[in-house]
Amino acid sequence: MYNRIMPEYRRALIKGGTYFLTLVTYQRRDIFASAAARALFYDAIDQTQNHNPFIMVAHCILPDHIHFIWQMPEDDADYSTRISVMKRRFSREFIARFGLPLPKDASRVKRREVTIWQRRFWEHLIRDEEDLNRHIDYVHFNPVKHGLVNRAGDWADSSFSDYVEMGYYDVDWGGSIKFDDQNFQFGE
């Protein structure tokens, strides 16, 4: 007989690295469909950034998931703690205001988890400028991909308008891109 050893999941940790991150709600519930929930989440981001700095390169908050691109400080690679703190802050405020979205199952009770977030999150270390640009496009195109709007500029809860203001995008960008394009097949 042999001992089974479960592989341990390892994340890429590069101090000062830039990361594409995706957080998904529990059972893909539309937690962020309300403006009040999104406002609570923006507060959780701000509080987390104030205590554990990082640069928000891009973001998009959709009803059931969130995409970020974060650049970590030169001497730090701990995005996992930041995500944990941010999720915990949001969850505490959300439950205080709206209550628990779904009852906890035995596993969630045992782990002291609420029914707001999936346990894990997706992370990708950005390799180079081309990779960064593709991921920024993906973040901003995501509301179009999911059929929520016709153009990226029609989605308010993203950094798209900041990129338009900086001259990186035309205000009508994203209206003619096909979401089955190879460039947009990553991140979820």
N, C-alpha and C. Protein backbone atom coordinates (compact mmCIF):
# COMPACT_ATOMS: atom_id res chain seq x y z
N MET A 1 0.84 -1.18 0.00
CA MET A 1 0.00 0.00 0.00
C MET A 1 0.89 1.24 0.00
N TYR A 2 0.42 2.27 -0.62
CA TYR A 2 1.19 3.50 -0.70
C TYR A 2 0.40 4.66 -0.10
N ASN A 3 1.10 5.68 0.29
CA ASN A 3 0.46 6.88 0.84
C ASN A 3 0.10 7.82 -0.30
N ARG A 4 -1.11 8.27 -0.30
CA ARG A 4 -1.51 9.26 -1.30
C ARG A 4 -1.12 10.64 -0.77
N ILE A 5 -0.50 11.37 -1.60
CA ILE A 5 -0.12 12.74 -1.24
C ILE A 5 -0.87 13.67 -2.18
N MET A 6 -1.66 14.51 -1.58
CA MET A 6 -2.40 15.50 -2.37
C MET A 6 -1.46 16.63 -2.75
N PRO A 7 -1.47 17.05 -4.00
CA PRO A 7 -0.61 18.18 -4.38
C PRO A 7 -1.07 19.45 -3.68
N GLU A 8 -0.11 20.24 -3.30
CA GLU A 8 -0.42 21.52 -2.67
C GLU A 8 -0.47 22.58 -3.76
N TYR A 9 -1.54 23.38 -3.76
CA TYR A 9 -1.66 24.43 -4.76
C TYR A 9 -0.66 25.53 -4.44
N ARG A 10 0.09 25.96 -5.44
CA ARG A 10 1.07 27.02 -5.24
C ARG A 10 0.78 28.17 -6.18
N ARG A 11 0.83 29.34 -5.64
CA ARG A 11 0.61 30.55 -6.44
C ARG A 11 1.94 31.19 -6.76
N ALA A 12 1.96 31.90 -7.88
CA ALA A 12 3.16 32.65 -8.27
C ALA A 12 3.28 33.86 -7.36
N LEU A 13 4.42 34.01 -6.71
CA LEU A 13 4.65 35.13 -5.80
C LEU A 13 5.92 35.87 -6.20
N ILE A 14 5.75 36.98 -6.88
CA ILE A 14 6.86 37.80 -7.34
C ILE A 14 6.70 39.19 -6.73
N LYS A 15 7.64 39.57 -5.88
CA LYS A 15 7.58 40.90 -5.26
C LYS A 15 7.55 41.97 -6.36
N GLY A 16 6.62 42.91 -6.22
CA GLY A 16 6.46 43.96 -7.21
C GLY A 16 5.76 43.50 -8.48
N GLY A 17 5.29 42.26 -8.50
CA GLY A 17 4.64 41.70 -9.69
C GLY A 17 3.28 42.32 -9.96
N THR A 18 2.84 42.12 -11.17
CA THR A 18 1.51 42.57 -11.59
C THR A 18 0.68 41.32 -11.83
N TYR A 19 -0.54 41.31 -11.29
CA TYR A 19 -1.38 40.12 -11.30
C TYR A 19 -2.77 40.42 -11.83
N PHE A 20 -3.26 39.51 -12.65
CA PHE A 20 -4.67 39.49 -13.05
C PHE A 20 -5.37 38.58 -12.06
N LEU A 21 -6.47 39.05 -11.46
CA LEU A 21 -7.18 38.32 -10.42
C LEU A 21 -8.67 38.27 -10.73
N THR A 22 -9.29 37.13 -10.47
CA THR A 22 -10.73 37.00 -10.63
C THR A 22 -11.31 36.41 -9.35
N LEU A 23 -12.30 37.11 -8.79
CA LEU A 23 -13.03 36.65 -7.61
C LEU A 23 -14.45 36.35 -8.05
N VAL A 24 -15.00 35.25 -7.61
CA VAL A 24 -16.34 34.83 -8.03
C VAL A 24 -17.22 34.66 -6.80
N THR A 25 -18.47 35.04 -6.92
CA THR A 25 -19.40 34.89 -5.81
C THR A 25 -19.81 33.42 -5.65
N TYR A 26 -20.25 33.10 -4.46
CA TYR A 26 -20.71 31.75 -4.14
C TYR A 26 -21.90 31.38 -5.04
N GLN A 27 -21.79 30.26 -5.70
CA GLN A 27 -22.80 29.75 -6.64
C GLN A 27 -23.16 30.78 -7.71
N ARG A 28 -22.21 31.66 -8.01
CA ARG A 28 -22.38 32.70 -9.03
C ARG A 28 -23.65 33.53 -8.81
N ARG A 29 -23.94 33.80 -7.56
CA ARG A 29 -25.09 34.63 -7.22
C ARG A 29 -24.79 36.08 -7.59
N ASP A 30 -25.80 36.82 -7.98
CA ASP A 30 -25.64 38.22 -8.40
C ASP A 30 -25.54 39.17 -7.21
N ILE A 31 -24.56 38.94 -6.37
CA ILE A 31 -24.36 39.76 -5.16
C ILE A 31 -24.15 41.23 -5.52
N PHE A 32 -23.45 41.49 -6.64
CA PHE A 32 -23.09 42.86 -6.99
C PHE A 32 -24.05 43.51 -7.98
N ALA A 33 -25.26 42.97 -8.08
CA ALA A 33 -26.27 43.56 -8.96
C ALA A 33 -26.77 44.90 -8.41
N SER A 34 -26.70 45.08 -7.10
CA SER A 34 -27.21 46.33 -6.51
C SER A 34 -26.08 47.35 -6.34
N ALA A 35 -26.44 48.61 -6.54
CA ALA A 35 -25.48 49.70 -6.36
C ALA A 35 -24.98 49.75 -4.92
N ALA A 36 -25.84 49.42 -3.96
CA ALA A 36 -25.43 49.44 -2.55
C ALA A 36 -24.34 48.40 -2.28
N ALA A 37 -24.47 47.22 -2.84
CA ALA A 37 -23.45 46.18 -2.65
C ALA A 37 -22.13 46.60 -3.32
N ARG A 38 -22.23 47.19 -4.49
CA ARG A 38 -21.01 47.64 -5.17
C ARG A 38 -20.32 48.74 -4.37
N ALA A 39 -21.10 49.64 -3.80
CA ALA A 39 -20.53 50.71 -2.97
C ALA A 39 -19.81 50.13 -1.76
N LEU A 40 -20.40 49.12 -1.12
CA LEU A 40 -19.73 48.45 0.01
C LEU A 40 -18.42 47.82 -0.44
N PHE A 41 -18.42 47.23 -1.65
CA PHE A 41 -17.20 46.60 -2.13
C PHE A 41 -16.12 47.64 -2.44
N TYR A 42 -16.49 48.75 -3.05
CA TYR A 42 -15.51 49.81 -3.29
C TYR A 42 -14.91 50.30 -1.97
N ASP A 43 -15.74 50.41 -0.93
CA ASP A 43 -15.23 50.79 0.40
C ASP A 43 -14.23 49.76 0.91
N ALA A 44 -14.55 48.48 0.73
CA ALA A 44 -13.64 47.42 1.17
C ALA A 44 -12.32 47.48 0.42
N ILE A 45 -12.37 47.79 -0.86
CA ILE A 45 -11.14 47.95 -1.65
C ILE A 45 -10.32 49.10 -1.08
N ASP A 46 -10.96 50.27 -0.87
CA ASP A 46 -10.25 51.44 -0.37
C ASP A 46 -9.62 51.17 0.99
N GLN A 47 -10.36 50.55 1.90
CA GLN A 47 -9.82 50.25 3.23
C GLN A 47 -8.64 49.30 3.13
N THR A 48 -8.75 48.31 2.27
CA THR A 48 -7.66 47.35 2.11
C THR A 48 -6.43 48.04 1.54
N GLN A 49 -6.64 48.86 0.53
CA GLN A 49 -5.52 49.59 -0.08
C GLN A 49 -4.84 50.53 0.91
N ASN A 50 -5.62 51.14 1.79
CA ASN A 50 -5.05 52.05 2.79
C ASN A 50 -4.14 51.32 3.76
N HIS A 51 -4.48 50.09 4.12
CA HIS A 51 -3.69 49.34 5.10
C HIS A 51 -2.63 48.45 4.44
N ASN A 52 -2.90 47.98 3.25
CA ASN A 52 -1.99 47.10 2.52
C ASN A 52 -1.91 47.60 1.08
N PRO A 53 -1.05 48.57 0.81
CA PRO A 53 -1.06 49.24 -0.49
C PRO A 53 -0.82 48.29 -1.68
N PHE A 54 -1.40 48.67 -2.78
CA PHE A 54 -1.18 48.09 -4.10
C PHE A 54 -1.73 49.08 -5.10
N ILE A 55 -1.32 48.96 -6.34
CA ILE A 55 -1.83 49.82 -7.40
C ILE A 55 -2.90 49.07 -8.15
N MET A 56 -4.06 49.67 -8.27
CA MET A 56 -5.15 49.10 -9.05
C MET A 56 -4.94 49.54 -10.50
N VAL A 57 -4.46 48.63 -11.32
CA VAL A 57 -4.19 48.93 -12.72
C VAL A 57 -5.50 48.95 -13.51
N ALA A 58 -6.37 47.99 -13.25
CA ALA A 58 -7.67 47.91 -13.93
C ALA A 58 -8.62 47.10 -13.06
N HIS A 59 -9.92 47.33 -13.27
CA HIS A 59 -10.92 46.55 -12.54
C HIS A 59 -12.24 46.55 -13.30
N CYS A 60 -13.06 45.57 -12.98
CA CYS A 60 -14.43 45.51 -13.49
C CYS A 60 -15.24 44.68 -12.49
N ILE A 61 -16.31 45.28 -11.99
CA ILE A 61 -17.20 44.59 -11.06
C ILE A 61 -18.47 44.21 -11.84
N LEU A 62 -18.69 42.92 -11.97
CA LEU A 62 -19.88 42.39 -12.63
C LEU A 62 -20.80 41.81 -11.57
N PRO A 63 -22.04 41.46 -11.91
CA PRO A 63 -22.97 40.99 -10.88
C PRO A 63 -22.48 39.79 -10.07
N ASP A 64 -21.76 38.85 -10.71
CA ASP A 64 -21.37 37.62 -10.00
C ASP A 64 -19.87 37.37 -9.96
N HIS A 65 -19.07 38.27 -10.48
CA HIS A 65 -17.62 38.12 -10.38
C HIS A 65 -16.92 39.45 -10.61
N ILE A 66 -15.67 39.49 -10.22
CA ILE A 66 -14.88 40.71 -10.28
C ILE A 66 -13.53 40.39 -10.89
N HIS A 67 -13.06 41.28 -11.76
CA HIS A 67 -11.71 41.16 -12.32
C HIS A 67 -10.89 42.35 -11.84
N PHE A 68 -9.66 42.06 -11.49
CA PHE A 68 -8.70 43.09 -11.10
C PHE A 68 -7.39 42.84 -11.84
N ILE A 69 -6.64 43.92 -12.01
CA ILE A 69 -5.21 43.82 -12.28
C ILE A 69 -4.56 44.70 -11.24
N TRP A 70 -3.73 44.07 -10.43
CA TRP A 70 -3.03 44.77 -9.35
C TRP A 70 -1.54 44.71 -9.58
N GLN A 71 -0.88 45.82 -9.28
CA GLN A 71 0.58 45.83 -9.21
C GLN A 71 0.96 45.92 -7.74
N MET A 72 1.76 44.97 -7.32
CA MET A 72 2.14 44.89 -5.91
C MET A 72 3.33 45.81 -5.64
N PRO A 73 3.51 46.22 -4.37
CA PRO A 73 4.68 47.03 -4.02
C PRO A 73 5.98 46.27 -4.30
N GLU A 74 7.04 47.01 -4.51
CA GLU A 74 8.35 46.42 -4.87
C GLU A 74 8.82 45.36 -3.89
N ASP A 75 8.47 45.50 -2.62
CA ASP A 75 8.97 44.57 -1.59
C ASP A 75 7.89 43.59 -1.12
N ASP A 76 6.85 43.40 -1.91
CA ASP A 76 5.71 42.62 -1.43
C ASP A 76 5.07 41.84 -2.59
N ALA A 77 4.64 40.63 -2.31
CA ALA A 77 3.94 39.82 -3.31
C ALA A 77 2.65 39.23 -2.73
N ASP A 78 2.24 39.67 -1.56
CA ASP A 78 1.15 39.02 -0.84
C ASP A 78 -0.23 39.55 -1.24
N TYR A 79 -0.65 39.23 -2.45
CA TYR A 79 -1.99 39.61 -2.89
C TYR A 79 -3.05 38.75 -2.21
N SER A 80 -2.70 37.53 -1.82
CA SER A 80 -3.68 36.64 -1.17
C SER A 80 -4.23 37.23 0.12
N THR A 81 -3.36 37.80 0.95
CA THR A 81 -3.82 38.42 2.19
C THR A 81 -4.72 39.61 1.89
N ARG A 82 -4.35 40.41 0.90
CA ARG A 82 -5.17 41.56 0.53
C ARG A 82 -6.56 41.11 0.09
N ILE A 83 -6.63 40.06 -0.71
CA ILE A 83 -7.92 39.56 -1.16
C ILE A 83 -8.73 39.05 0.03
N SER A 84 -8.08 38.31 0.90
CA SER A 84 -8.76 37.78 2.08
C SER A 84 -9.32 38.90 2.95
N VAL A 85 -8.52 39.92 3.20
CA VAL A 85 -8.95 41.06 4.02
C VAL A 85 -10.10 41.78 3.34
N MET A 86 -9.99 42.01 2.05
CA MET A 86 -11.02 42.72 1.30
C MET A 86 -12.34 41.94 1.30
N LYS A 87 -12.25 40.63 1.05
CA LYS A 87 -13.46 39.80 1.06
C LYS A 87 -14.11 39.78 2.45
N ARG A 88 -13.29 39.68 3.48
CA ARG A 88 -13.80 39.65 4.85
C ARG A 88 -14.48 40.98 5.21
N ARG A 89 -13.85 42.10 4.86
CA ARG A 89 -14.44 43.42 5.14
C ARG A 89 -15.79 43.56 4.43
N PHE A 90 -15.79 43.21 3.15
CA PHE A 90 -17.03 43.31 2.40
C PHE A 90 -18.11 42.41 2.99
N SER A 91 -17.77 41.18 3.28
CA SER A 91 -18.74 40.21 3.79
C SER A 91 -19.36 40.68 5.09
N ARG A 92 -18.53 41.19 5.99
CA ARG A 92 -19.02 41.67 7.29
C ARG A 92 -20.04 42.80 7.09
N GLU A 93 -19.72 43.76 6.24
CA GLU A 93 -20.62 44.89 6.00
C GLU A 93 -21.87 44.47 5.23
N PHE A 94 -21.70 43.57 4.26
CA PHE A 94 -22.83 43.10 3.47
C PHE A 94 -23.84 42.37 4.35
N ILE A 95 -23.34 41.48 5.20
CA ILE A 95 -24.24 40.71 6.09
C ILE A 95 -24.92 41.64 7.10
N ALA A 96 -24.19 42.61 7.61
CA ALA A 96 -24.78 43.57 8.56
C ALA A 96 -25.92 44.34 7.91
N ARG A 97 -25.77 44.68 6.64
CA ARG A 97 -26.78 45.48 5.96
C ARG A 97 -27.90 44.65 5.33
N PHE A 98 -27.53 43.51 4.71
CA PHE A 98 -28.51 42.76 3.92
C PHE A 98 -28.80 41.35 4.44
N GLY A 99 -28.02 40.89 5.39
CA GLY A 99 -28.19 39.52 5.88
C GLY A 99 -27.41 38.52 5.03
N LEU A 100 -27.43 37.29 5.46
CA LEU A 100 -26.70 36.22 4.77
C LEU A 100 -27.47 35.82 3.51
N PRO A 101 -26.81 35.81 2.33
CA PRO A 101 -27.53 35.52 1.09
C PRO A 101 -28.11 34.11 1.03
N LEU A 102 -27.40 33.13 1.53
CA LEU A 102 -27.84 31.74 1.54
C LEU A 102 -27.44 31.10 2.86
N PRO A 103 -28.20 30.11 3.33
CA PRO A 103 -27.78 29.42 4.56
C PRO A 103 -26.46 28.68 4.35
N LYS A 104 -25.72 28.51 5.41
CA LYS A 104 -24.44 27.81 5.36
C LYS A 104 -24.67 26.30 5.37
N ASP A 105 -23.91 25.58 4.55
CA ASP A 105 -23.92 24.12 4.63
C ASP A 105 -22.90 23.70 5.69
N ALA A 106 -22.80 22.41 5.97
CA ALA A 106 -21.92 21.91 7.04
C ALA A 106 -20.46 22.30 6.78
N SER A 107 -20.03 22.23 5.53
CA SER A 107 -18.65 22.57 5.19
C SER A 107 -18.36 24.04 5.47
N ARG A 108 -19.30 24.90 5.13
CA ARG A 108 -19.11 26.33 5.38
C ARG A 108 -19.12 26.63 6.88
N VAL A 109 -19.95 25.96 7.62
CA VAL A 109 -19.97 26.14 9.08
C VAL A 109 -18.63 25.72 9.67
N LYS A 110 -18.16 24.54 9.27
CA LYS A 110 -16.90 24.00 9.78
C LYS A 110 -15.73 24.96 9.51
N ARG A 111 -15.71 25.56 8.36
CA ARG A 111 -14.61 26.45 7.98
C ARG A 111 -14.87 27.91 8.33
N ARG A 112 -16.00 28.18 8.96
CA ARG A 112 -16.39 29.54 9.34
C ARG A 112 -16.44 30.46 8.12
N GLU A 113 -17.06 29.96 7.05
CA GLU A 113 -17.19 30.72 5.82
C GLU A 113 -18.63 31.13 5.61
N VAL A 114 -18.81 32.27 4.97
CA VAL A 114 -20.15 32.73 4.63
C VAL A 114 -20.45 32.38 3.18
N THR A 115 -21.68 32.56 2.79
CA THR A 115 -22.11 32.18 1.43
C THR A 115 -22.12 33.40 0.51
N ILE A 116 -20.99 34.07 0.47
CA ILE A 116 -20.85 35.22 -0.43
C ILE A 116 -19.83 34.93 -1.51
N TRP A 117 -18.72 34.29 -1.17
CA TRP A 117 -17.61 34.08 -2.10
C TRP A 117 -17.33 32.61 -2.35
N GLN A 118 -16.84 32.30 -3.54
CA GLN A 118 -16.22 31.00 -3.76
C GLN A 118 -14.94 30.98 -2.95
N ARG A 119 -14.50 29.79 -2.57
CA ARG A 119 -13.32 29.68 -1.69
C ARG A 119 -12.05 30.22 -2.33
N ARG A 120 -11.80 29.85 -3.51
CA ARG A 120 -10.55 30.24 -4.16
C ARG A 120 -10.77 31.41 -5.11
N PHE A 121 -9.69 31.88 -5.65
CA PHE A 121 -9.76 32.91 -6.69
C PHE A 121 -8.75 32.56 -7.77
N TRP A 122 -8.93 33.12 -8.93
CA TRP A 122 -8.04 32.90 -10.06
C TRP A 122 -6.96 33.97 -10.04
N GLU A 123 -5.73 33.56 -10.29
CA GLU A 123 -4.63 34.52 -10.36
C GLU A 123 -3.74 34.16 -11.54
N HIS A 124 -3.21 35.19 -12.18
CA HIS A 124 -2.27 35.01 -13.28
C HIS A 124 -1.21 36.09 -13.15
N LEU A 125 0.05 35.70 -13.12
CA LEU A 125 1.15 36.65 -13.10
C LEU A 125 1.33 37.22 -14.50
N ILE A 126 1.26 38.52 -14.62
CA ILE A 126 1.44 39.18 -15.92
C ILE A 126 2.92 39.06 -16.31
N ARG A 127 3.15 38.56 -17.51
CA ARG A 127 4.51 38.25 -17.96
C ARG A 127 5.24 39.41 -18.63
N ASP A 128 4.50 40.20 -19.42
CA ASP A 128 5.14 41.28 -20.17
C ASP A 128 4.09 42.30 -20.56
N GLU A 129 4.49 43.31 -21.30
CA GLU A 129 3.57 44.38 -21.67
C GLU A 129 2.43 43.89 -22.55
N GLU A 130 2.72 42.99 -23.48
CA GLU A 130 1.66 42.45 -24.33
C GLU A 130 0.63 41.68 -23.50
N ASP A 131 1.11 40.88 -22.56
CA ASP A 131 0.22 40.14 -21.67
C ASP A 131 -0.62 41.11 -20.84
N LEU A 132 -0.01 42.17 -20.36
CA LEU A 132 -0.74 43.18 -19.58
C LEU A 132 -1.82 43.83 -20.44
N ASN A 133 -1.49 44.24 -21.64
CA ASN A 133 -2.47 44.89 -22.50
C ASN A 133 -3.64 43.97 -22.84
N ARG A 134 -3.36 42.69 -23.10
CA ARG A 134 -4.43 41.73 -23.38
C ARG A 134 -5.36 41.58 -22.17
N HIS A 135 -4.78 41.53 -20.98
CA HIS A 135 -5.60 41.37 -19.78
C HIS A 135 -6.40 42.64 -19.47
N ILE A 136 -5.83 43.80 -19.69
CA ILE A 136 -6.58 45.05 -19.51
C ILE A 136 -7.77 45.06 -20.47
N ASP A 137 -7.53 44.69 -21.73
CA ASP A 137 -8.64 44.60 -22.69
C ASP A 137 -9.69 43.61 -22.21
N TYR A 138 -9.24 42.46 -21.71
CA TYR A 138 -10.18 41.44 -21.24
C TYR A 138 -11.04 41.97 -20.09
N VAL A 139 -10.42 42.63 -19.14
CA VAL A 139 -11.15 43.19 -17.99
C VAL A 139 -12.23 44.14 -18.48
N HIS A 140 -11.86 45.02 -19.40
CA HIS A 140 -12.81 46.04 -19.85
C HIS A 140 -13.87 45.49 -20.81
N PHE A 141 -13.54 44.44 -21.53
CA PHE A 141 -14.49 43.86 -22.48
C PHE A 141 -15.47 42.90 -21.80
N ASN A 142 -15.18 42.48 -20.60
CA ASN A 142 -15.97 41.45 -19.93
C ASN A 142 -17.48 41.73 -19.86
N PRO A 143 -17.93 42.94 -19.57
CA PRO A 143 -19.38 43.17 -19.55
C PRO A 143 -20.04 42.95 -20.93
N VAL A 144 -19.29 43.23 -22.00
CA VAL A 144 -19.79 42.97 -23.35
C VAL A 144 -19.84 41.47 -23.59
N LYS A 145 -18.77 40.79 -23.21
CA LYS A 145 -18.69 39.33 -23.37
C LYS A 145 -19.88 38.63 -22.72
N HIS A 146 -20.28 39.11 -21.55
CA HIS A 146 -21.38 38.48 -20.81
C HIS A 146 -22.75 39.02 -21.22
N GLY A 147 -22.79 39.86 -22.24
CA GLY A 147 -24.07 40.35 -22.76
C GLY A 147 -24.75 41.38 -21.88
N LEU A 148 -24.00 42.03 -21.01
CA LEU A 148 -24.59 43.01 -20.09
C LEU A 148 -24.73 44.39 -20.74
N VAL A 149 -23.84 44.68 -21.70
CA VAL A 149 -23.87 45.95 -22.44
C VAL A 149 -23.39 45.68 -23.87
N ASN A 150 -23.57 46.67 -24.74
CA ASN A 150 -23.12 46.54 -26.13
C ASN A 150 -21.71 47.06 -26.35
N ARG A 151 -21.28 48.00 -25.51
CA ARG A 151 -19.94 48.57 -25.61
C ARG A 151 -19.33 48.63 -24.21
N ALA A 152 -18.03 48.52 -24.13
CA ALA A 152 -17.36 48.56 -22.82
C ALA A 152 -17.66 49.86 -22.07
N GLY A 153 -17.80 50.96 -22.79
CA GLY A 153 -18.07 52.25 -22.18
C GLY A 153 -19.44 52.36 -21.54
N ASP A 154 -20.32 51.41 -21.84
CA ASP A 154 -21.66 51.43 -21.26
C ASP A 154 -21.70 50.80 -19.86
N TRP A 155 -20.59 50.22 -19.42
CA TRP A 155 -20.53 49.59 -18.09
C TRP A 155 -19.82 50.54 -17.13
N ALA A 156 -20.52 51.02 -16.13
CA ALA A 156 -19.97 52.04 -15.23
C ALA A 156 -18.97 51.50 -14.22
N ASP A 157 -19.11 50.24 -13.81
CA ASP A 157 -18.28 49.73 -12.71
C ASP A 157 -17.01 49.06 -13.21
N SER A 158 -16.21 49.85 -13.92
CA SER A 158 -14.90 49.39 -14.37
C SER A 158 -13.99 50.60 -14.52
N SER A 159 -12.75 50.32 -14.79
CA SER A 159 -11.77 51.39 -15.00
C SER A 159 -11.73 51.85 -16.45
N PHE A 160 -12.65 51.37 -17.28
CA PHE A 160 -12.64 51.70 -18.71
C PHE A 160 -12.62 53.21 -18.95
N SER A 161 -13.48 53.95 -18.26
CA SER A 161 -13.55 55.41 -18.49
C SER A 161 -12.22 56.09 -18.14
N ASP A 162 -11.49 55.57 -17.17
CA ASP A 162 -10.16 56.12 -16.85
C ASP A 162 -9.21 55.94 -18.03
N TYR A 163 -9.31 54.78 -18.68
CA TYR A 163 -8.45 54.50 -19.83
C TYR A 163 -8.86 55.33 -21.04
N VAL A 164 -10.14 55.63 -21.19
CA VAL A 164 -10.60 56.53 -22.26
C VAL A 164 -10.03 57.92 -22.00
N GLU A 165 -10.14 58.37 -20.75
CA GLU A 165 -9.63 59.69 -20.37
C GLU A 165 -8.12 59.81 -20.62
N MET A 166 -7.39 58.73 -20.41
CA MET A 166 -5.93 58.74 -20.65
C MET A 166 -5.58 58.58 -22.13
N GLY A 167 -6.59 58.32 -22.97
CA GLY A 167 -6.35 58.19 -24.40
C GLY A 167 -6.01 56.80 -24.89
N TYR A 168 -6.16 55.78 -24.04
CA TYR A 168 -5.85 54.41 -24.44
C TYR A 168 -6.96 53.77 -25.27
N TYR A 169 -8.19 54.17 -25.02
CA TYR A 169 -9.34 53.62 -25.74
C TYR A 169 -10.17 54.77 -26.31
N ASP A 170 -10.86 54.47 -27.42
CA ASP A 170 -11.91 55.32 -27.92
C ASP A 170 -13.17 55.00 -27.13
N VAL A 171 -14.02 55.95 -26.93
CA VAL A 171 -15.22 55.74 -26.11
C VAL A 171 -16.11 54.62 -26.66
N ASP A 172 -16.05 54.34 -27.96
CA ASP A 172 -16.87 53.29 -28.56
C ASP A 172 -16.17 51.93 -28.61
N TRP A 173 -14.99 51.80 -28.03
CA TRP A 173 -14.24 50.55 -28.09
C TRP A 173 -15.06 49.40 -27.51
N GLY A 174 -14.90 48.25 -28.12
CA GLY A 174 -15.54 47.04 -27.61
C GLY A 174 -16.87 46.71 -28.24
N GLY A 175 -17.41 47.61 -29.06
CA GLY A 175 -18.71 47.35 -29.66
C GLY A 175 -18.66 46.40 -30.84
N SER A 176 -17.48 46.26 -31.47
CA SER A 176 -17.40 45.41 -32.66
C SER A 176 -16.54 44.16 -32.44
N ILE A 177 -16.00 43.99 -31.25
CA ILE A 177 -15.15 42.83 -30.96
C ILE A 177 -16.03 41.62 -30.72
N LYS A 178 -15.64 40.50 -31.26
CA LYS A 178 -16.38 39.24 -31.04
C LYS A 178 -15.82 38.58 -29.78
N PHE A 179 -16.71 38.17 -28.85
CA PHE A 179 -16.22 37.63 -27.59
C PHE A 179 -15.66 36.22 -27.72
N ASP A 180 -15.76 35.61 -28.88
CA ASP A 180 -15.11 34.31 -29.05
C ASP A 180 -13.70 34.45 -29.60
N ASP A 181 -13.24 35.69 -29.75
CA ASP A 181 -11.90 35.96 -30.22
C ASP A 181 -10.87 35.30 -29.29
N GLN A 182 -9.82 34.75 -29.84
CA GLN A 182 -8.77 34.07 -29.06
C GLN A 182 -8.19 34.96 -27.98
N ASN A 183 -8.14 36.26 -28.21
CA ASN A 183 -7.54 37.17 -27.25
C ASN A 183 -8.34 37.30 -25.96
N PHE A 184 -9.58 36.83 -25.95
CA PHE A 184 -10.43 37.01 -24.80
C PHE A 184 -10.82 35.69 -24.16
N GLN A 185 -10.03 34.67 -24.31
CA GLN A 185 -10.38 33.33 -23.78
C GLN A 185 -9.52 32.97 -22.57
N PHE A 186 -9.48 33.83 -21.58
CA PHE A 186 -8.76 33.51 -20.36
C PHE A 186 -9.39 34.27 -19.20
N GLY A 187 -9.09 33.84 -17.98
CA GLY A 187 -9.44 34.62 -16.82
C GLY A 187 -10.60 34.13 -15.99
N GLU A 188 -11.39 33.15 -16.45
CA GLU A 188 -12.52 32.73 -15.63
C GLU A 188 -12.50 31.23 -15.49
